[in-house]
Protein backbone atom coordinates (compact mmCIF):
# COMPACT_ATOMS: atom_id res chain seq x y z
CA MET A 1 0.00 0.00 0.00
CA ARG A 2 1.05 3.57 -0.69
CA LEU A 3 0.39 5.52 2.50
CA CYS A 4 0.39 9.28 3.00
CA ILE A 5 0.40 10.79 6.49
CA PHE A 6 -1.40 14.11 6.10
CA GLY A 7 -0.21 16.27 8.98
CA ALA A 8 3.15 14.94 10.14
CA GLY A 9 3.20 16.63 13.53
CA ALA A 10 3.47 14.67 16.76
CA VAL A 11 1.08 11.78 16.05
CA GLY A 12 1.69 11.83 12.30
CA GLY A 13 5.44 11.92 12.70
CA TYR A 14 5.37 9.07 15.22
CA LEU A 15 3.26 6.94 12.91
CA ALA A 16 5.36 7.77 9.84
CA VAL A 17 8.60 6.69 11.51
CA LEU A 18 7.14 3.39 12.71
CA LEU A 19 5.60 2.57 9.34
CA ALA A 20 8.70 3.56 7.37
CA ARG A 21 10.94 1.56 9.68
CA ALA A 22 8.68 -1.45 9.07
CA GLY A 23 9.19 -1.10 5.33
CA ALA A 24 5.94 0.61 4.33
CA ASP A 25 5.78 2.94 1.32
CA VAL A 26 5.01 6.07 3.31
CA SER A 27 5.17 9.80 2.58
CA VAL A 28 4.21 12.82 4.68
CA VAL A 29 2.59 16.20 4.24
CA ALA A 30 3.97 18.79 6.65
CA ARG A 31 4.74 22.49 6.68
CA GLY A 32 7.05 25.20 7.95
CA ALA A 33 10.17 24.54 9.98
CA HIS A 34 9.07 20.98 10.71
CA LEU A 35 8.91 20.19 6.99
CA ALA A 36 12.26 21.87 6.32
CA ALA A 37 13.93 19.79 9.04
CA ILE A 38 12.43 16.52 7.73
CA GLN A 39 13.61 17.32 4.21
CA ASP A 40 17.07 18.27 5.45
CA ARG A 41 17.82 15.69 8.12
CA GLY A 42 15.03 13.10 8.04
CA LEU A 43 12.28 12.44 10.56
CA VAL A 44 13.51 11.51 14.05
CA LEU A 45 11.64 9.58 16.73
CA LEU A 46 12.88 9.48 20.32
CA VAL A 47 11.75 6.54 22.45
CA GLY A 48 13.41 6.52 25.85
CA GLU A 49 17.15 6.52 25.18
CA ASP A 50 16.71 5.28 21.61
CA GLU A 51 16.68 7.45 18.51
CA VAL A 52 15.30 6.34 15.14
CA CYS A 53 15.75 8.44 12.01
CA VAL A 54 14.04 7.70 8.70
CA ASP A 55 14.10 9.41 5.33
CA VAL A 56 10.59 9.78 3.94
CA PRO A 57 9.27 11.86 1.05
CA ALA A 58 8.01 15.07 2.65
CA THR A 59 6.26 18.01 1.07
CA ASP A 60 3.68 20.75 1.57
CA ASP A 61 2.32 20.08 -1.92
CA ALA A 62 0.17 16.98 -1.52
CA ALA A 63 -0.54 16.71 -5.24
CA SER A 64 3.14 16.04 -5.93
CA LEU A 65 2.91 12.71 -4.08
CA GLY A 66 0.45 11.16 -6.51
CA LYS A 67 -2.49 8.88 -5.79
CA GLN A 68 -2.41 6.83 -2.59
CA ASP A 69 -4.00 3.63 -1.33
CA ALA A 70 -4.61 5.20 2.07
CA VAL A 71 -4.41 8.72 3.46
CA ILE A 72 -4.01 8.91 7.24
CA VAL A 73 -5.20 12.31 8.44
CA THR A 74 -3.56 13.35 11.70
CA LEU A 75 -4.52 17.02 11.65
CA LYS A 76 -6.48 18.67 14.44
CA ALA A 77 -10.21 18.44 13.71
CA HIS A 78 -10.61 22.13 12.87
CA ALA A 79 -7.84 21.90 10.25
CA ILE A 80 -9.43 19.18 8.12
CA ALA A 81 -12.04 21.22 6.26
CA PRO A 82 -9.47 23.76 4.95
CA ALA A 83 -7.32 20.83 3.76
CA VAL A 84 -10.03 18.99 1.81
CA ASP A 85 -8.89 20.18 -1.61
CA ALA A 86 -5.31 19.09 -0.91
CA ILE A 87 -6.44 15.71 0.44
CA ARG A 88 -8.56 15.16 -2.67
CA THR A 89 -5.45 15.29 -4.88
CA LEU A 90 -4.26 12.08 -3.16
CA LEU A 91 -7.44 10.12 -3.74
CA ASP A 92 -7.79 7.39 -6.30
CA ARG A 93 -11.02 5.49 -6.88
CA ASP A 94 -10.59 3.17 -3.87
CA THR A 95 -8.40 5.28 -1.59
CA CYS A 96 -9.46 5.10 2.04
CA VAL A 97 -9.07 8.03 4.43
CA VAL A 98 -8.18 7.17 8.02
CA SER A 99 -9.40 9.77 10.50
CA ALA A 100 -6.83 9.70 13.34
CA VAL A 101 -8.30 12.74 15.04
CA ASN A 102 -9.55 13.55 18.56
CA GLY A 103 -13.22 14.07 19.33
CA ILE A 104 -16.37 13.37 17.36
CA PRO A 105 -15.26 12.60 13.77
CA TRP A 106 -16.81 14.23 10.71
CA TRP A 107 -18.10 10.86 9.45
CA TYR A 108 -19.82 9.95 12.76
CA PHE A 109 -23.32 9.32 11.37
CA HIS A 110 -22.20 7.36 8.30
CA GLY A 111 -23.23 3.70 8.46
CA LEU A 112 -24.96 4.24 11.82
CA ASP A 113 -28.23 2.36 12.27
CA SER A 114 -30.04 5.38 13.61
CA ARG A 115 -32.70 7.93 12.69
CA PHE A 116 -29.79 10.38 12.51
CA GLY A 117 -27.87 8.33 9.93
CA GLU A 118 -26.07 9.90 6.96
CA ARG A 119 -25.84 13.47 8.18
CA HIS A 120 -22.76 15.59 8.83
CA VAL A 121 -21.83 17.00 12.23
CA GLU A 122 -21.85 20.75 11.78
CA SER A 123 -19.49 21.46 14.71
CA VAL A 124 -16.62 19.57 13.10
CA ASP A 125 -17.68 19.78 9.44
CA PRO A 126 -19.17 23.22 8.79
CA GLY A 127 -21.54 23.06 5.85
CA GLY A 128 -20.63 19.41 5.25
CA ALA A 129 -17.48 20.37 3.33
CA ILE A 130 -15.55 17.26 4.39
CA TRP A 131 -18.52 14.95 3.91
CA ARG A 132 -19.01 16.16 0.33
CA GLY A 133 -15.35 16.68 -0.53
CA ILE A 134 -13.92 13.37 0.71
CA GLY A 135 -16.98 11.16 0.99
CA PRO A 136 -17.91 9.17 4.09
CA GLU A 137 -17.62 5.88 2.20
CA ARG A 138 -13.84 6.40 2.21
CA ALA A 139 -13.63 6.85 5.98
CA ILE A 140 -11.97 4.49 8.43
CA GLY A 141 -12.02 5.51 12.07
CA CYS A 142 -9.00 5.51 14.35
CA VAL A 143 -8.85 6.21 18.09
CA VAL A 144 -5.36 7.47 18.93
CA TYR A 145 -3.85 6.77 22.35
CA PRO A 146 -0.08 7.35 22.01
CA SER A 147 1.21 10.36 23.95
CA VAL A 148 3.75 12.11 21.72
CA GLU A 149 5.19 15.59 21.28
CA VAL A 150 7.29 17.53 18.79
CA VAL A 151 10.36 18.57 20.80
CA GLU A 152 11.97 20.48 17.95
CA PRO A 153 11.44 20.68 14.18
CA GLY A 154 11.79 17.21 12.69
CA VAL A 155 12.02 15.48 16.08
CA VAL A 156 9.13 13.66 17.80
CA ARG A 157 9.29 12.13 21.28
CA HIS A 158 7.12 9.16 22.26
CA LEU A 159 6.02 9.32 25.90
CA SER A 160 3.57 6.48 26.42
CA ASP A 161 1.06 4.05 24.90
CA ASN A 162 1.01 2.55 21.41
CA ARG A 163 -2.67 1.80 20.81
CA MET A 164 -4.34 2.97 17.61
CA ILE A 165 -7.75 1.33 17.46
CA LEU A 166 -9.30 0.97 14.00
CA GLY A 167 -12.82 0.39 12.75
CA GLU A 168 -15.18 0.83 9.82
CA PRO A 169 -18.07 3.26 10.41
CA HIS A 170 -20.53 0.47 9.54
CA GLY A 171 -18.73 -2.05 11.76
CA ASP A 172 -17.73 -4.58 9.11
CA ARG A 173 -14.36 -6.29 9.24
CA SER A 174 -13.46 -5.19 5.73
CA GLU A 175 -10.39 -6.23 3.79
CA ARG A 176 -9.07 -2.67 3.82
CA VAL A 177 -9.31 -2.19 7.59
CA VAL A 178 -7.75 -5.61 8.25
CA GLN A 179 -4.89 -4.75 5.89
CA LEU A 180 -4.28 -1.43 7.65
CA ALA A 181 -4.37 -3.10 11.06
CA SER A 182 -1.79 -5.63 9.86
CA LEU A 183 0.49 -2.81 8.69
CA PHE A 184 0.11 -0.98 12.00
CA MET A 185 0.87 -4.12 13.99
CA ALA A 186 3.91 -4.88 11.82
CA ALA A 187 5.11 -1.39 12.75
CA GLY A 188 4.87 -2.21 16.47
CA LEU A 189 1.48 -0.70 17.25
CA LYS A 190 -1.46 -2.31 19.02
CA ALA A 191 -4.18 -1.97 16.39
CA PRO A 192 -7.32 -3.98 17.17
CA VAL A 193 -10.22 -3.72 14.73
CA ARG A 194 -13.48 -2.90 16.52
CA SER A 195 -16.97 -3.58 15.23
CA ARG A 196 -18.33 -0.83 17.51
CA LEU A 197 -15.64 1.81 17.21
CA ARG A 198 -17.94 4.57 18.46
CA ASN A 199 -17.75 3.00 21.93
CA ASP A 200 -13.97 3.52 21.83
CA ILE A 201 -14.35 7.05 20.43
CA TRP A 202 -16.58 8.01 23.35
CA MET A 203 -14.40 6.31 25.95
CA LYS A 204 -11.51 8.58 25.03
CA LEU A 205 -13.71 11.60 24.39
CA TRP A 206 -15.44 11.11 27.74
CA GLY A 207 -12.44 12.42 29.64
CA ASN A 208 -11.30 14.88 26.99
CA LEU A 209 -14.61 16.75 26.91
CA ALA A 210 -14.18 17.60 30.61
CA PHE A 211 -10.48 17.72 31.39
CA ASN A 212 -9.32 19.57 28.28
CA PRO A 213 -11.50 22.68 28.73
CA LEU A 214 -11.04 22.64 32.51
CA SER A 215 -7.28 22.58 32.04
CA ALA A 216 -7.45 25.53 29.64
CA LEU A 217 -9.49 27.49 32.19
CA THR A 218 -7.39 26.63 35.26
CA HIS A 219 -3.93 25.69 33.84
CA ALA A 220 -4.03 22.70 36.20
CA THR A 221 -2.55 19.34 35.28
CA LEU A 222 -4.64 16.19 34.92
CA ASP A 223 -3.84 14.77 38.35
CA VAL A 224 -4.98 17.99 40.06
CA LEU A 225 -8.17 18.31 38.02
CA ALA A 226 -9.15 14.71 38.76
CA THR A 227 -8.45 14.81 42.51
CA ASP A 228 -9.39 18.34 43.62
CA ALA A 229 -12.92 18.13 45.03
CA GLY A 230 -14.22 21.13 43.10
CA THR A 231 -12.86 20.35 39.63
CA ARG A 232 -13.59 16.64 40.03
CA ARG A 233 -17.23 17.52 40.74
CA ILE A 234 -17.44 19.68 37.60
CA ALA A 235 -15.73 17.02 35.48
CA ARG A 236 -18.11 14.37 36.84
CA ALA A 237 -21.15 16.47 35.91
CA MET A 238 -19.81 17.11 32.39
CA MET A 239 -19.02 13.45 31.87
CA ARG A 240 -22.45 12.31 33.07
CA GLU A 241 -24.07 14.70 30.61
CA GLY A 242 -21.80 13.41 27.87
CA GLN A 243 -22.60 9.83 28.80
CA ALA A 244 -26.33 10.55 28.50
CA VAL A 245 -25.78 11.93 24.99
CA GLY A 246 -23.66 8.96 23.96
CA GLU A 247 -26.13 6.43 25.32
CA ALA A 248 -28.97 8.18 23.47
CA LEU A 249 -26.96 7.45 20.30
CA GLY A 250 -26.52 3.78 21.19
CA VAL A 251 -23.04 3.97 22.77
CA ARG A 252 -22.12 1.59 25.59
CA PHE A 253 -19.72 2.75 28.31
CA ALA A 254 -17.68 -0.14 29.66
CA ILE A 255 -16.83 1.50 33.00
CA ASP A 256 -18.49 4.00 35.34
CA VAL A 257 -17.60 7.66 35.57
CA GLU A 258 -15.68 7.41 38.86
CA ARG A 259 -13.38 4.75 37.46
CA ARG A 260 -12.82 6.84 34.33
CA ILE A 261 -11.86 9.87 36.44
CA ASP A 262 -9.56 7.75 38.60
CA GLY A 263 -7.89 6.53 35.42
CA ALA A 264 -7.25 10.13 34.41
CA ALA A 265 -5.77 10.89 37.82
CA SER A 266 -3.39 7.94 37.51
CA VAL A 267 -1.79 9.50 34.41
CA GLY A 268 -0.12 12.02 36.72
CA ALA A 269 0.93 15.63 36.12
CA HIS A 270 -0.04 15.64 32.46
CA ARG A 271 -0.77 18.90 30.63
CA THR A 272 -3.67 18.24 28.29
CA SER A 273 -3.34 18.86 24.57
CA MET A 274 -5.72 21.81 24.86
CA LEU A 275 -3.59 23.43 27.55
CA GLN A 276 -0.47 22.89 25.45
CA ASP A 277 -2.17 24.46 22.41
CA LEU A 278 -3.35 27.39 24.52
CA ASP A 279 0.17 28.09 25.78
CA LEU A 280 1.54 27.92 22.23
CA GLY A 281 -1.11 30.24 20.82
CA ARG A 282 -2.62 27.54 18.60
CA PRO A 283 -6.32 27.06 17.81
CA LEU A 284 -8.01 24.68 20.24
CA GLU A 285 -10.02 21.54 19.49
CA THR A 286 -13.01 23.11 21.21
CA ASP A 287 -15.66 22.16 18.66
CA ALA A 288 -14.61 18.52 18.27
CA LEU A 289 -14.33 17.92 22.03
CA VAL A 290 -17.07 20.14 23.47
CA GLY A 291 -19.19 21.84 20.81
CA ALA A 292 -19.97 18.56 19.08
CA ILE A 293 -21.35 17.13 22.34
CA GLN A 294 -23.65 20.13 22.65
CA GLU A 295 -24.78 19.63 19.05
CA LEU A 296 -25.47 15.92 19.57
CA GLY A 297 -27.22 16.71 22.85
CA ALA A 298 -29.58 19.12 21.08
CA LEU A 299 -30.15 16.51 18.38
CA THR A 300 -31.11 13.81 20.88
CA GLY A 301 -32.97 16.09 23.29
CA ILE A 302 -30.41 15.67 26.10
CA GLU A 303 -29.67 18.79 28.14
CA THR A 304 -26.00 19.58 28.84
CA PRO A 305 -26.04 22.51 31.30
CA THR A 306 -22.58 21.98 32.82
CA ILE A 307 -20.97 21.44 29.43
CA ASP A 308 -22.77 24.58 28.18
CA LEU A 309 -21.45 26.60 31.12
CA VAL A 310 -17.85 25.45 30.77
CA HIS A 311 -17.94 25.97 27.01
CA ALA A 312 -19.21 29.52 27.45
CA LEU A 313 -16.41 30.27 29.93
CA LEU A 314 -13.84 28.75 27.60
CA LYS A 315 -15.01 30.89 24.67
CA GLN A 316 -14.62 34.01 26.81
CA ARG A 317 -11.19 32.86 27.92
CA LEU A 318 -10.12 32.48 24.31
CA ALA A 319 -11.55 35.85 23.34
CA PHE A 320 -9.08 37.58 25.67
CA ARG A 321 -5.96 35.47 25.27
């Protein structure tokens, strides 16, 4: 398979190194100083005391890479719609597009046995630009768990975890998703194929929808947010509201909210991705992690008062940063 990683930042760079090292035909789309460093010195992955460097085709002109068998999109959710035209230049008739993105994905209602089936999620796909431009039939879902960071241009550090859970929106164990999972596993990743991937999407999102905005408002690390009585109470309320929305859409939560919060606390003094983006002046994944839950709550008739309150505070915080 010819694979293109579209957005070779932390997650994309990590994945590109592992796949290239395993012998896959992989290229990357990147930009700025990160792209210049990859073109000049290769793409470097730091794992503990080990350093792996690979040479991969890297460009900011996606069309120059030609048609691909799979495009793995590792952009932030809000960056996908502006990139649709560039992504389209990589698509052949049967090219699949793997959405390795946090939050509610743009294809969420495709293949879902629900009265809400085959509709776009406005919060993450304004006007349905991604739905129309890429096509939900191309989508393969991916829940990303590795903790990684770009420490300098061209250099990515892996901190923990190596799970990248895959699944078709309609739940079938298709040849294409099995082939991708095999490639991921050959690269050293844990890549199970799930028939109910939305359960996994919500399990990760469940904590992110609470702890990410709370961290941006307070600048507290994950261990503090999950153990301080006040912020734990707010997180619990947000997560219970989110759980009600998910369950109204047919999602099953494998554990209870207290255990999920305790799991977040056990991660330690982690600065959430939203807090990191805030400090660096980057756009935040607010719509994919919070706004989309409000949208789905309105759709299903589930009230989300705590989520609404925190989202309103976060928008004001961002207006004055």
